[in-house]
Amino acid sequence: MGQFLKSFAKNESGATAIEYGLIAAGIAVVIIGAVQLVGTNLDTQFNDIAAAIAGEGEGE
């Protein structure tokens, strides 16, 4: 029983898996934030372009 507890205490594979999971979660949060920011900027650009195209026909 003592040998089992010693080997269990030295086993760090679970801690390593948790660390990798936290790193992956952090990277996912950064990616989601970047995609939302780019999406908002693209939406604004497309709206500006659509307004400019719609405004061209009015002056004729």
Protein backbone atom coordinates (compact mmCIF):
# COMPACT_ATOMS: atom_id res chain seq x y z
CA MET A 1 0.00 0.00 0.00
CA GLY A 2 2.85 2.39 0.78
CA GLN A 3 4.46 1.77 -2.60
CA PHE A 4 1.15 2.54 -4.33
CA LEU A 5 0.85 5.88 -2.51
CA LYS A 6 4.43 6.81 -3.40
CA SER A 7 3.90 6.04 -7.08
CA PHE A 8 0.55 7.86 -7.01
CA ALA A 9 2.17 10.97 -5.51
CA LYS A 10 4.90 10.95 -8.17
CA ASN A 11 2.45 10.51 -11.06
CA GLU A 12 2.04 13.95 -12.66
CA SER A 13 0.22 12.94 -15.85
CA GLY A 14 -3.11 14.20 -14.53
CA ALA A 15 -1.63 17.58 -13.62
CA THR A 16 -0.01 17.80 -17.05
CA ALA A 17 -3.31 17.04 -18.76
CA ILE A 18 -5.02 19.76 -16.73
CA GLU A 19 -2.29 22.24 -17.67
CA TYR A 20 -2.69 21.42 -21.35
CA GLY A 21 -6.44 21.81 -21.00
CA LEU A 22 -6.05 25.25 -19.42
CA ILE A 23 -3.64 26.33 -22.17
CA ALA A 24 -6.08 25.13 -24.84
CA ALA A 25 -8.95 26.97 -23.15
CA GLY A 26 -6.90 30.18 -23.03
CA ILE A 27 -6.01 29.90 -26.70
CA ALA A 28 -9.68 29.27 -27.55
CA VAL A 29 -10.74 32.41 -25.67
CA VAL A 30 -8.18 34.50 -27.59
CA ILE A 31 -9.31 33.03 -30.92
CA ILE A 32 -12.99 33.65 -30.15
CA GLY A 33 -12.26 37.25 -29.20
CA ALA A 34 -10.25 37.84 -32.37
CA VAL A 35 -12.94 36.31 -34.59
CA GLN A 36 -15.64 38.44 -32.97
CA LEU A 37 -13.56 41.60 -33.42
CA VAL A 38 -12.84 40.82 -37.06
CA GLY A 39 -16.49 39.97 -37.64
CA THR A 40 -17.63 43.29 -36.17
CA ASN A 41 -15.13 45.21 -38.29
CA LEU A 42 -16.19 43.34 -41.43
CA ASP A 43 -19.83 44.03 -40.69
CA THR A 44 -19.08 47.75 -40.39
CA GLN A 45 -17.11 47.73 -43.64
CA PHE A 46 -19.86 45.93 -45.55
CA ASN A 47 -22.48 48.33 -44.20
CA ASP A 48 -20.36 51.31 -45.29
CA ILE A 49 -19.91 49.81 -48.76
CA ALA A 50 -23.64 49.05 -49.07
CA ALA A 51 -24.50 52.62 -48.03
CA ALA A 52 -22.03 54.03 -50.56
CA ILE A 53 -23.46 51.87 -53.34
CA ALA A 54 -27.03 52.81 -52.38
CA GLY A 55 -26.07 56.50 -52.32
CA GLU A 56 -24.59 56.47 -55.83
CA GLY A 57 -27.96 56.01 -57.55
CA GLU A 58 -29.61 58.96 -55.79
CA GLY A 59 -27.61 61.72 -57.46
CA GLU A 60 -28.54 60.77 -61.03
